[in-house]
Protein backbone atom coordinates (compact mmCIF):
# COMPACT_ATOMS: atom_id res chain seq x y z
CA MET A 1 101.66 110.86 38.52
CA ILE A 2 99.77 107.52 39.18
CA SER A 3 99.17 108.68 42.71
CA GLN A 4 97.61 111.87 41.59
CA VAL A 5 95.34 109.88 39.35
CA LEU A 6 94.41 107.36 41.90
CA PHE A 7 93.59 110.23 44.36
CA GLY A 8 91.50 112.00 41.73
CA TYR A 9 89.78 108.85 41.06
CA MET A 10 89.05 107.70 44.40
CA GLY A 11 88.45 111.20 46.22
CA PHE A 12 89.47 112.25 49.64
CA ALA A 13 86.84 110.41 51.65
CA SER A 14 87.71 107.13 49.92
CA TRP A 15 91.29 107.51 51.04
CA VAL A 16 90.31 108.40 54.49
CA LEU A 17 88.15 105.18 54.51
CA VAL A 18 91.16 103.32 53.23
CA GLY A 19 93.42 104.66 55.82
CA PHE A 20 90.92 103.87 58.62
CA LEU A 21 90.52 100.32 57.46
CA LEU A 22 94.36 99.78 57.30
CA LEU A 23 94.73 101.14 60.91
CA LEU A 24 91.91 98.86 61.90
CA LEU A 25 93.64 95.89 60.23
CA ILE A 26 96.89 96.81 62.14
CA ASP A 27 94.96 97.03 65.24
CA VAL A 28 93.31 93.75 64.97
CA VAL A 29 96.60 91.76 63.91
CA ARG A 30 98.68 93.55 66.83
CA ASN A 31 95.98 92.86 69.46
CA TRP A 32 94.91 89.44 68.37
CA ARG A 33 94.07 87.48 71.25
CA PRO A 34 96.78 84.74 72.08
CA ARG A 35 95.97 81.20 71.75
CA ASN A 36 94.18 79.72 74.82
CA PHE A 37 94.21 83.17 76.30
CA PRO A 38 91.53 83.69 79.03
CA PRO A 39 88.42 84.81 77.73
CA GLY A 40 86.60 88.19 77.99
CA PRO A 41 84.09 90.72 76.55
CA TRP A 42 84.45 91.85 73.00
CA ALA A 43 86.99 94.92 72.79
CA VAL A 44 86.48 98.09 70.75
CA PRO A 45 89.15 98.60 68.15
CA PHE A 46 91.82 101.05 69.17
CA ILE A 47 90.57 101.62 72.68
CA GLY A 48 89.63 98.17 74.03
CA ASN A 49 87.42 97.72 77.18
CA ILE A 50 88.29 101.24 78.68
CA PHE A 51 84.49 101.96 79.18
CA THR A 52 84.13 98.84 81.30
CA GLY A 53 84.12 99.82 84.83
CA LEU A 54 87.26 98.73 86.62
CA ASP A 55 85.47 98.60 90.04
CA PHE A 56 85.21 95.17 91.97
CA LYS A 57 81.35 94.96 91.51
CA THR A 58 81.97 94.93 87.54
CA MET A 59 84.91 92.48 87.88
CA GLU A 60 82.63 90.23 90.02
CA LYS A 61 79.86 90.35 87.19
CA LEU A 62 82.55 89.56 84.46
CA ALA A 63 83.70 86.65 86.49
CA GLN A 64 80.08 85.18 86.46
CA GLU A 65 80.00 85.71 82.83
CA HIS A 66 83.36 84.59 81.66
CA GLY A 67 84.72 82.45 84.49
CA PRO A 68 87.14 82.86 87.34
CA VAL A 69 90.07 83.77 84.86
CA PHE A 70 89.07 86.26 82.42
CA SER A 71 90.73 89.05 80.52
CA LEU A 72 90.17 92.64 79.44
CA ARG A 73 91.85 94.75 76.80
CA ILE A 74 92.63 98.32 78.06
CA GLY A 75 94.01 100.22 75.14
CA SER A 76 96.47 98.11 73.57
CA LYS A 77 97.18 96.13 76.64
CA ARG A 78 95.63 92.89 77.72
CA MET A 79 94.98 92.38 81.59
CA VAL A 80 94.08 89.13 83.17
CA PHE A 81 91.60 89.07 86.31
CA VAL A 82 91.51 86.14 88.74
CA SER A 83 88.31 85.60 90.91
CA GLY A 84 87.24 83.30 93.72
CA TYR A 85 89.24 81.81 96.67
CA LYS A 86 90.31 78.50 94.77
CA MET A 87 91.78 80.42 91.82
CA VAL A 88 93.28 83.47 93.70
CA LYS A 89 95.03 81.04 96.04
CA GLU A 90 96.30 79.13 93.02
CA ALA A 91 97.77 82.36 91.78
CA LEU A 92 99.07 83.76 94.83
CA LEU A 93 100.11 80.69 96.97
CA ASN A 94 100.80 77.83 94.52
CA ARG A 95 102.46 79.64 91.88
CA LEU A 96 104.74 81.87 93.75
CA ASP A 97 107.39 82.31 91.10
CA SER A 98 104.80 83.12 88.28
CA PHE A 99 103.41 86.23 89.47
CA ASN A 100 106.18 87.96 91.35
CA ASP A 101 106.59 91.31 89.44
CA ARG A 102 104.75 94.55 89.25
CA PRO A 103 103.64 95.96 85.82
CA VAL A 104 104.59 99.41 85.00
CA PHE A 105 101.74 102.14 85.67
CA PRO A 106 102.59 105.14 83.46
CA LEU A 107 101.17 107.79 85.95
CA LEU A 108 102.66 106.34 89.19
CA HIS A 109 105.93 105.55 87.25
CA VAL A 110 106.36 109.49 86.67
CA VAL A 111 106.68 109.48 90.52
CA PHE A 112 108.14 105.96 91.66
CA LYS A 113 110.27 105.41 88.51
CA GLY A 114 110.34 101.76 89.29
CA LEU A 115 111.99 102.30 92.77
CA GLY A 116 110.90 101.81 96.31
CA LEU A 117 109.04 98.80 97.84
CA SER A 118 105.83 98.54 96.04
CA LEU A 119 106.65 99.13 92.39
CA SER A 120 110.04 97.95 91.80
CA ASN A 121 111.11 94.45 90.67
CA GLY A 122 113.99 91.89 90.35
CA TYR A 123 117.12 92.17 92.34
CA LEU A 124 116.41 95.95 93.63
CA TRP A 125 112.78 94.95 95.05
CA LYS A 126 114.34 91.90 96.75
CA LYS A 127 117.05 94.03 98.44
CA GLN A 128 114.93 96.73 99.53
CA ARG A 129 112.09 94.60 100.97
CA LYS A 130 114.54 92.43 102.67
CA PHE A 131 115.92 95.55 104.37
CA ALA A 132 112.48 96.85 105.21
CA ASN A 133 111.39 93.80 106.65
CA THR A 134 114.62 93.36 108.72
CA HIS A 135 114.02 96.86 110.25
CA LEU A 136 110.32 96.34 110.96
CA ARG A 137 111.20 93.07 112.68
CA TYR A 138 113.84 94.89 114.70
CA PHE A 139 111.04 97.17 116.20
CA GLU A 140 108.46 94.35 116.53
CA GLU A 141 110.35 91.58 117.95
CA GLY A 142 113.78 93.17 119.37
CA GLN A 143 112.75 96.08 121.31
CA LYS A 144 109.00 95.50 121.38
CA SER A 145 108.68 99.09 120.43
CA LEU A 146 105.75 98.71 117.97
CA GLU A 147 103.35 97.97 120.48
CA LYS A 148 104.47 100.52 123.02
CA TYR A 149 104.24 103.08 119.95
CA ILE A 150 100.54 101.95 119.47
CA GLU A 151 99.75 102.08 123.14
CA VAL A 152 101.02 105.61 123.52
CA GLU A 153 99.10 106.66 120.33
CA SER A 154 96.01 105.03 121.51
CA ASN A 155 95.90 107.26 124.52
CA PHE A 156 96.39 110.26 122.33
CA ILE A 157 93.68 109.58 120.13
CA CYS A 158 91.18 108.65 122.87
CA GLU A 159 92.29 112.16 124.57
CA ALA A 160 91.36 113.77 121.17
CA PHE A 161 88.05 112.02 121.02
CA LYS A 162 87.21 113.21 124.54
CA ASP A 163 88.07 116.74 123.62
CA GLU A 164 84.90 116.59 121.16
CA GLN A 165 83.04 116.38 124.51
CA GLY A 166 80.39 114.12 122.70
CA GLN A 167 79.50 116.63 119.98
CA PRO A 168 79.19 115.48 116.32
CA PHE A 169 82.64 115.63 114.53
CA ASN A 170 84.23 113.80 111.65
CA PRO A 171 86.99 111.36 112.82
CA HIS A 172 88.76 110.82 109.51
CA TYR A 173 91.94 112.90 109.84
CA THR A 174 92.26 112.23 113.57
CA ILE A 175 92.33 108.52 112.85
CA ASN A 176 94.61 109.02 109.92
CA SER A 177 96.93 110.95 112.28
CA ALA A 178 97.05 108.46 114.83
CA VAL A 179 97.76 105.53 112.63
CA SER A 180 100.13 107.49 110.56
CA ASN A 181 102.13 108.48 113.82
CA VAL A 182 103.03 104.86 114.48
CA ILE A 183 104.76 104.36 111.20
CA SER A 184 106.08 107.82 111.45
CA CYS A 185 107.87 106.82 114.80
CA VAL A 186 109.50 103.94 112.87
CA VAL A 187 110.50 105.99 109.86
CA PHE A 188 111.41 109.44 111.22
CA GLY A 189 111.75 108.54 114.91
CA HIS A 190 109.22 110.83 116.39
CA ARG A 191 105.23 111.44 116.05
CA PHE A 192 103.43 114.65 114.93
CA GLU A 193 100.82 116.41 116.85
CA TYR A 194 97.44 116.04 115.47
CA SER A 195 97.26 119.89 115.10
CA ASP A 196 100.47 120.09 113.19
CA PRO A 197 99.37 122.04 110.06
CA THR A 198 102.22 120.56 107.87
CA TYR A 199 101.84 117.12 108.43
CA ARG A 200 98.26 117.27 108.45
CA LYS A 201 98.23 118.63 105.06
CA ILE A 202 100.68 115.86 103.89
CA LEU A 203 97.91 113.42 104.99
CA GLU A 204 95.35 115.29 103.24
CA LEU A 205 97.36 115.37 99.93
CA ASP A 206 97.78 111.51 100.34
CA SER A 207 94.11 110.94 101.03
CA GLU A 208 93.21 112.74 97.90
CA ILE A 209 95.60 110.72 95.93
CA PHE A 210 93.91 107.71 97.09
CA VAL A 211 90.35 108.82 96.12
CA LEU A 212 91.52 110.37 92.67
CA ALA A 213 93.24 107.33 91.79
CA GLY A 214 89.85 105.79 91.20
CA ALA A 215 88.64 108.50 88.83
CA PHE A 216 88.09 107.52 85.09
CA GLN A 217 90.48 110.33 83.70
CA THR A 218 93.13 109.19 86.14
CA GLN A 219 93.06 105.59 84.59
CA LEU A 220 92.95 106.89 81.27
CA TYR A 221 96.50 108.33 81.79
CA ASP A 222 97.87 104.68 82.09
CA VAL A 223 96.16 103.92 78.80
CA PHE A 224 97.13 107.27 76.71
CA PRO A 225 99.99 108.65 78.72
CA GLY A 226 101.35 110.58 75.81
CA LEU A 227 97.94 112.27 75.16
CA MET A 228 96.67 112.54 78.80
CA LYS A 229 99.69 114.38 79.98
CA TYR A 230 98.50 117.36 77.71
CA LEU A 231 95.00 117.36 78.75
CA PRO A 232 93.52 118.52 82.26
CA GLY A 233 92.22 116.24 84.72
CA PRO A 234 92.73 114.77 88.23
CA HIS A 235 96.02 113.06 87.15
CA HIS A 236 97.68 116.43 87.37
CA THR A 237 96.62 116.64 90.95
CA VAL A 238 97.80 113.45 91.78
CA LEU A 239 101.27 114.32 90.44
CA ALA A 240 101.12 117.72 92.14
CA ASN A 241 100.33 116.16 95.43
CA TYR A 242 103.33 113.74 95.00
CA ALA A 243 105.68 116.65 94.32
CA LYS A 244 104.50 118.10 97.54
CA ILE A 245 104.85 114.89 99.57
CA ILE A 246 108.28 114.22 98.17
CA LYS A 247 109.50 117.66 99.00
CA PHE A 248 108.33 117.18 102.63
CA LEU A 249 110.17 113.96 102.80
CA SER A 250 113.37 115.31 101.23
CA ASN A 251 113.42 117.82 103.99
CA GLN A 252 113.04 115.23 106.60
CA ILE A 253 115.86 113.21 104.91
CA GLN A 254 118.14 116.04 104.84
CA ARG A 255 117.58 116.84 108.54
CA HIS A 256 118.65 113.16 109.25
CA GLN A 257 121.66 113.55 107.27
CA GLU A 258 122.65 116.69 109.25
CA ALA A 259 122.23 114.77 112.43
CA TRP A 260 123.14 111.37 111.52
CA ASN A 261 125.22 109.44 113.79
CA PRO A 262 126.16 105.77 112.51
CA ASP A 263 126.71 104.53 115.86
CA ASN A 264 123.25 105.52 117.19
CA PRO A 265 120.61 105.04 114.44
CA ARG A 266 117.24 106.40 115.63
CA ASP A 267 114.83 105.08 112.89
CA TYR A 268 114.44 103.75 109.49
CA ILE A 269 116.06 106.62 107.72
CA ASP A 270 119.30 106.58 109.90
CA VAL A 271 119.76 102.83 109.23
CA TYR A 272 118.99 103.39 105.36
CA LEU A 273 121.83 106.04 105.53
CA SER A 274 124.24 103.66 106.99
CA GLU A 275 123.22 101.01 104.45
CA MET A 276 124.04 103.14 101.77
CA ASP A 277 127.58 103.48 102.86
CA LYS A 278 127.75 99.79 103.16
CA LYS A 279 126.17 99.16 99.67
CA LYS A 280 128.23 101.54 97.66
CA SER A 281 129.73 98.63 95.81
CA ASP A 282 126.30 97.35 94.67
CA PRO A 283 124.62 100.03 93.07
CA LYS A 284 121.90 97.69 91.66
CA ALA A 285 120.69 97.19 94.99
CA GLY A 286 119.58 100.83 94.74
CA PHE A 287 120.48 102.24 98.19
CA ASN A 288 120.68 105.85 97.50
CA ILE A 289 118.76 109.12 98.49
CA GLU A 290 116.21 109.01 95.64
CA ASN A 291 115.32 105.41 96.52
CA LEU A 292 114.90 106.26 100.05
CA GLN A 293 112.54 108.88 99.30
CA ILE A 294 110.45 106.56 97.42
CA CYS A 295 110.73 103.65 100.18
CA THR A 296 109.47 106.39 102.67
CA ILE A 297 106.49 107.13 100.55
CA ASP A 298 105.77 103.45 100.42
CA LEU A 299 106.14 102.95 104.14
CA ILE A 300 104.01 106.05 105.07
CA GLU A 301 101.13 105.17 102.66
CA ALA A 302 101.14 101.52 103.55
CA GLY A 303 101.37 102.20 107.22
CA THR A 304 98.52 104.54 106.99
CA GLU A 305 95.67 104.55 104.46
CA THR A 306 94.55 100.85 104.66
CA THR A 307 94.53 100.67 108.42
CA ALA A 308 92.96 104.05 109.01
CA THR A 309 90.19 103.19 106.44
CA THR A 310 89.58 99.93 108.08
CA LEU A 311 89.16 101.67 111.66
CA ARG A 312 86.71 104.21 110.06
CA TRP A 313 84.83 101.18 108.60
CA GLY A 314 84.79 99.84 112.12
CA LEU A 315 83.07 102.92 113.36
CA VAL A 316 80.63 102.80 110.64
CA PHE A 317 79.65 99.30 111.49
CA MET A 318 79.49 99.62 115.23
CA MET A 319 77.14 102.60 114.71
CA ASN A 320 74.96 100.53 112.19
CA TYR A 321 75.05 97.35 114.43
CA PRO A 322 74.80 98.76 118.04
CA HIS A 323 73.94 95.37 119.61
CA ILE A 324 77.48 94.10 118.19
CA GLN A 325 79.17 97.09 119.69
CA GLU A 326 77.52 96.38 122.99
CA LYS A 327 78.76 92.66 122.85
CA VAL A 328 82.30 94.05 122.13
CA GLN A 329 82.21 96.35 125.16
CA ALA A 330 80.75 93.55 127.63
CA GLU A 331 83.65 91.35 126.47
CA ILE A 332 86.18 94.23 127.11
CA ASP A 333 84.84 95.06 130.32
CA ARG A 334 84.89 91.37 131.67
CA VAL A 335 88.48 90.70 130.48
CA ILE A 336 90.25 94.11 130.99
CA GLY A 337 87.82 96.30 132.52
CA GLN A 338 88.34 100.10 132.74
CA SER A 339 91.49 100.22 134.89
CA ARG A 340 94.18 99.47 132.43
CA GLN A 341 94.86 99.87 128.84
CA PRO A 342 94.43 96.76 126.33
CA THR A 343 97.57 95.14 125.23
CA MET A 344 98.17 92.37 122.64
CA ALA A 345 98.31 89.94 125.34
CA ASP A 346 94.74 90.36 125.71
CA ARG A 347 93.86 89.31 122.15
CA SER A 348 93.41 85.49 122.74
CA ASN A 349 91.04 86.36 125.65
CA LEU A 350 88.84 88.62 123.64
CA PRO A 351 87.84 86.04 120.64
CA TYR A 352 84.47 88.08 119.89
CA THR A 353 86.25 91.52 119.66
CA ASP A 354 88.87 89.81 117.39
CA ALA A 355 86.23 88.28 115.23
CA VAL A 356 84.47 91.58 114.76
CA ILE A 357 87.67 93.25 113.89
CA HIS A 358 88.45 90.57 111.07
CA GLU A 359 84.72 90.85 109.91
CA VAL A 360 85.16 94.72 109.62
CA GLN A 361 88.09 93.74 107.29
CA ARG A 362 86.08 91.20 105.34
CA VAL A 363 83.12 93.47 104.82
CA GLY A 364 84.91 96.71 104.75
CA ASN A 365 86.87 95.22 101.57
CA ILE A 366 89.63 97.75 101.81
CA ALA A 367 91.71 96.78 98.66
CA PRO A 368 89.02 94.76 96.62
CA LEU A 369 91.20 94.46 93.53
CA GLY A 370 94.61 94.04 95.55
CA PHE A 371 97.55 95.54 93.64
CA PRO A 372 98.03 94.26 90.16
CA ARG A 373 100.99 91.86 89.65
CA MET A 374 102.66 90.67 86.27
CA ALA A 375 103.59 87.58 85.00
CA SER A 376 107.22 86.99 85.62
CA LYS A 377 107.31 84.11 83.05
CA ASP A 378 105.05 82.34 80.71
CA THR A 379 102.55 80.42 82.80
CA THR A 380 99.07 78.81 82.93
CA LEU A 381 96.10 79.42 85.25
CA GLY A 382 92.83 77.84 85.23
CA GLY A 383 93.80 75.93 81.93
CA TYR A 384 94.67 79.14 80.28
CA PHE A 385 97.96 80.45 78.88
CA ILE A 386 99.28 83.57 80.46
CA PRO A 387 102.32 84.98 78.51
CA LYS A 388 105.14 86.62 80.51
CA GLY A 389 104.64 90.28 81.00
CA THR A 390 100.81 90.05 81.32
CA SER A 391 99.28 92.07 83.96
CA THR A 392 97.26 90.16 86.39
CA THR A 393 95.06 91.37 89.09
CA THR A 394 93.64 89.04 91.84
CA ILE A 395 90.13 90.37 92.98
CA LEU A 396 90.54 90.04 96.52
CA SER A 397 86.77 90.92 97.09
CA SER A 398 85.70 87.77 95.48
CA VAL A 399 87.71 85.86 97.99
CA LEU A 400 86.33 87.67 100.86
CA ASN A 401 82.70 87.15 99.73
CA ASP A 402 83.04 83.80 98.18
CA LYS A 403 79.68 82.09 98.73
CA ASN A 404 81.74 78.67 98.71
CA GLU A 405 83.73 79.68 101.80
CA TRP A 406 81.44 82.16 103.79
CA GLU A 407 78.19 80.95 105.51
CA THR A 408 76.70 84.45 105.10
CA PRO A 409 78.94 86.47 102.85
CA ASP A 410 76.61 89.53 102.17
CA SER A 411 75.87 90.08 105.78
CA PHE A 412 77.89 91.63 108.53
CA ASN A 413 78.53 88.64 110.80
CA PRO A 414 81.24 88.24 113.39
CA GLU A 415 80.35 84.51 113.74
CA HIS A 416 82.12 83.92 110.55
CA PHE A 417 85.46 83.83 112.92
CA LEU A 418 83.86 82.05 115.85
CA ASP A 419 83.56 78.22 116.28
CA SER A 420 80.90 76.33 118.18
CA ASN A 421 82.59 77.13 121.43
CA GLY A 422 82.82 80.92 120.74
CA GLN A 423 86.57 80.88 120.31
CA PHE A 424 88.12 82.72 117.55
CA ARG A 425 88.88 80.59 114.48
CA ARG A 426 91.16 81.49 111.39
CA ARG A 427 89.61 81.30 107.96
CA GLU A 428 91.75 80.27 104.90
CA ALA A 429 89.72 82.41 102.64
CA PHE A 430 90.86 85.71 104.49
CA PHE A 431 93.23 87.69 102.25
CA PRO A 432 92.74 91.25 103.02
CA PHE A 433 96.36 91.63 102.92
CA SER A 434 96.79 89.69 99.55
CA ALA A 435 99.12 86.83 99.92
CA GLY A 436 102.45 85.28 98.53
CA THR A 437 105.73 86.99 98.18
CA ARG A 438 103.94 90.44 97.47
CA VAL A 439 101.82 90.13 100.53
CA CYS A 440 101.57 93.73 102.38
CA LEU A 441 104.84 94.45 104.03
CA GLY A 442 103.12 95.96 107.11
CA GLU A 443 100.63 93.19 107.68
CA ASN A 444 101.94 92.36 111.28
CA LEU A 445 101.77 95.94 112.24
CA ALA A 446 98.23 96.58 110.82
CA LYS A 447 97.00 93.63 112.84
CA MET A 448 98.41 95.13 116.06
CA GLU A 449 97.12 98.63 115.22
CA LEU A 450 93.75 97.35 114.44
CA PHE A 451 93.37 95.47 117.61
CA LEU A 452 94.95 98.05 120.25
CA PHE A 453 93.10 101.24 118.60
CA PHE A 454 89.82 99.62 118.02
CA THR A 455 89.72 97.93 121.55
CA SER A 456 91.01 101.28 123.16
CA LEU A 457 88.35 103.29 121.51
CA LEU A 458 85.46 100.90 122.37
CA GLN A 459 86.66 100.54 125.89
CA ARG A 460 86.35 104.36 126.27
CA PHE A 461 83.73 105.25 124.23
CA THR A 462 80.38 104.33 122.79
CA PHE A 463 79.97 105.50 119.13
CA ARG A 464 76.50 106.75 118.11
CA PRO A 465 75.30 108.25 114.86
CA VAL A 466 74.40 111.84 114.78
CA PRO A 467 70.54 112.00 114.62
CA GLY A 468 69.59 111.82 111.09
CA GLU A 469 72.99 110.94 109.87
CA MET A 470 73.36 107.23 109.96
CA PRO A 471 76.66 106.42 108.12
CA SER A 472 76.35 104.64 104.65
CA LEU A 473 77.35 101.01 104.27
CA GLU A 474 77.99 101.89 100.61
CA GLY A 475 81.63 102.79 100.14
CA VAL A 476 83.47 105.19 97.84
CA MET A 477 85.87 103.53 95.31
CA GLY A 478 89.18 104.99 94.79
CA PHE A 479 92.42 103.23 95.14
CA THR A 480 90.70 101.76 98.23
CA HIS A 481 87.32 101.11 99.08
CA SER A 482 86.51 103.65 102.00
CA PRO A 483 83.43 104.82 103.79
CA LYS A 484 81.77 107.82 102.80
CA ALA A 485 82.45 111.06 104.88
CA PHE A 486 80.45 110.82 108.20
CA ARG A 487 80.19 112.30 111.58
CA THR A 488 79.86 110.43 114.94
CA LEU A 489 79.31 110.89 118.47
CA ALA A 490 82.03 109.53 120.74
CA VAL A 491 80.12 109.32 124.07
CA PRO A 492 82.51 108.68 127.06
CA ARG A 493 81.60 105.50 128.95
């Protein structure tokens, strides 16, 4: 009776206003900034800063406004961003035990389910990463097979480029196939022909995922998963692509199970199957078929996308800076010549070439925001309090372009990695693979691939732009920072 009187007195619109104000109060109280939490721009009630671009250029501007440690509120979640070499080093290297974990990304969680190598945490992550590291070291240090795989694949990609007969072509999927074949030999025990339609399709699906991951609607899924799963958008394509990739991997694993000989393991999958038998009494370690599928995705993606994208940037820079390409080729001709294939033993004698490769990584800026971590305990950074469970992103682009660390950060300048005597010099502010406990698992493999592929290609070809089609130096921001689609002329030397 009283409610009816009040409703009649206030009217429907008034009650709607009261309800809105109540929800607003709840939102303010629930999302009140913790004491001494990193500063950031004003957040819109209910949605936070979702309309603030999450690209690295926007992040660098926000760092200038709010300092090297700042925060954004995305929906109801607060995220911390860390900028500049000094503060990123503090987070990744000086506080190793503070930012070990990965946050949950609702969209990727549909696929990865907290398993695998990149998105798992705790005991399971430690066991899976240690196992994968051991397997990669076995190939790298024991049999020296990784270098052999890369040398063989270098010949295949050079022959594929030669088949273009100096005519314009897009090298994207040829490079992807070549790079992916190296990790495929480790994981599956064999390579795939570049013309293999099934594997080429898998690479295309995965490349599409990396592009679509940067779309606004895709990122909205992580903010409002309950709503976005019912709305159309690129997030559905991401999930559909992953479903097809998992089906392909399931078939590969099934074939391995059928031909498995524990006394003669051929590759990562075979060794993993053996480990499943050994770890039956330790289910928390996660050695099972479902985790094998996810670990395999992690290895294929980590072993393909970033290295292939870096090599494409390498061709873009060589076409834009032909005088640098000529100096690289002159050094290769002087040290190696044309009679034999480059090997890793040549790297120390090719300081300029090595410097150019590093500068490609620096300016190409493949993973500008790295991969988010999560505070594994209450901690402080830059004098600010960061509660346990807070998602924390280190802006790697701010390290690679730190004006306090690089002489000409906005220019493509191989001299950054050369001393006064023309010898290669390492730079502390060089974090293309991130750093610390979550550093890229395939860092050593990627370094070998970049050197051997890049050197082999420039030994045998001069890369020129198609007339009127100079490749752009402006990249495309998805999950990675990649070159815009381009064509090239690979002119045999």
